[in-house]
Amino acid sequence: MKQFFFILVLALCFLTACNNGSGDGKLSTDLVTNPKTAGKSDEKQAVITFNKKEHDFGTLLQGEVVTYSFHFTNTGNAPLLISSVNSSCGCTVGSYPREPIAPGKEGSIKVSYDSKSHHGMQNRTLTVMSNTMPAKNILRIKAKVQTPNQY
């Protein structure tokens, strides 16, 4: 008898827990806010716009260290904050502005690639994390690294 009563109470808890009060079985969307799909938003948002997101260094001699700057503009209406630039390999290092970039202003992310210990086609990515929507932007560099005896 105690087991039956326990199962009955448990079943009632499950049945009443699923009732969200709307009565029609649909979930409430009161908490959903997505400025990209809502069509209109009064929220201020930073937008990072790169001149280009990929750079080809061409053919390099193994051991060369090369650099390139990816230029961007904050095309949004709020200050742009870059929190990190992470590379897919220790051979690639990205330096970025630590201070906020005002709307309409420009900046750059400087990338250094060290071809030491590499050979053949190389493709590397840099992940830029910022206060934009989406928060992650991917930059790519590539190069064909030849050993000294291939020249």
Foldseek 3Di string as FASTA:
>chain_A
DVVVVVVVVVVVCVVVVQDPPPPPSDDDCPPDDDCVPPVDDPDWFWDKAWPDQEEEPEEDEAFDKDKDKTKIAGQTQAWKAWDDKDKPDPQKDKDWDHDTAHHGGMTIIMIMGGRHPHAAKDKMWIWIAIRHVVRTDIGIYMYGYHYPVVD
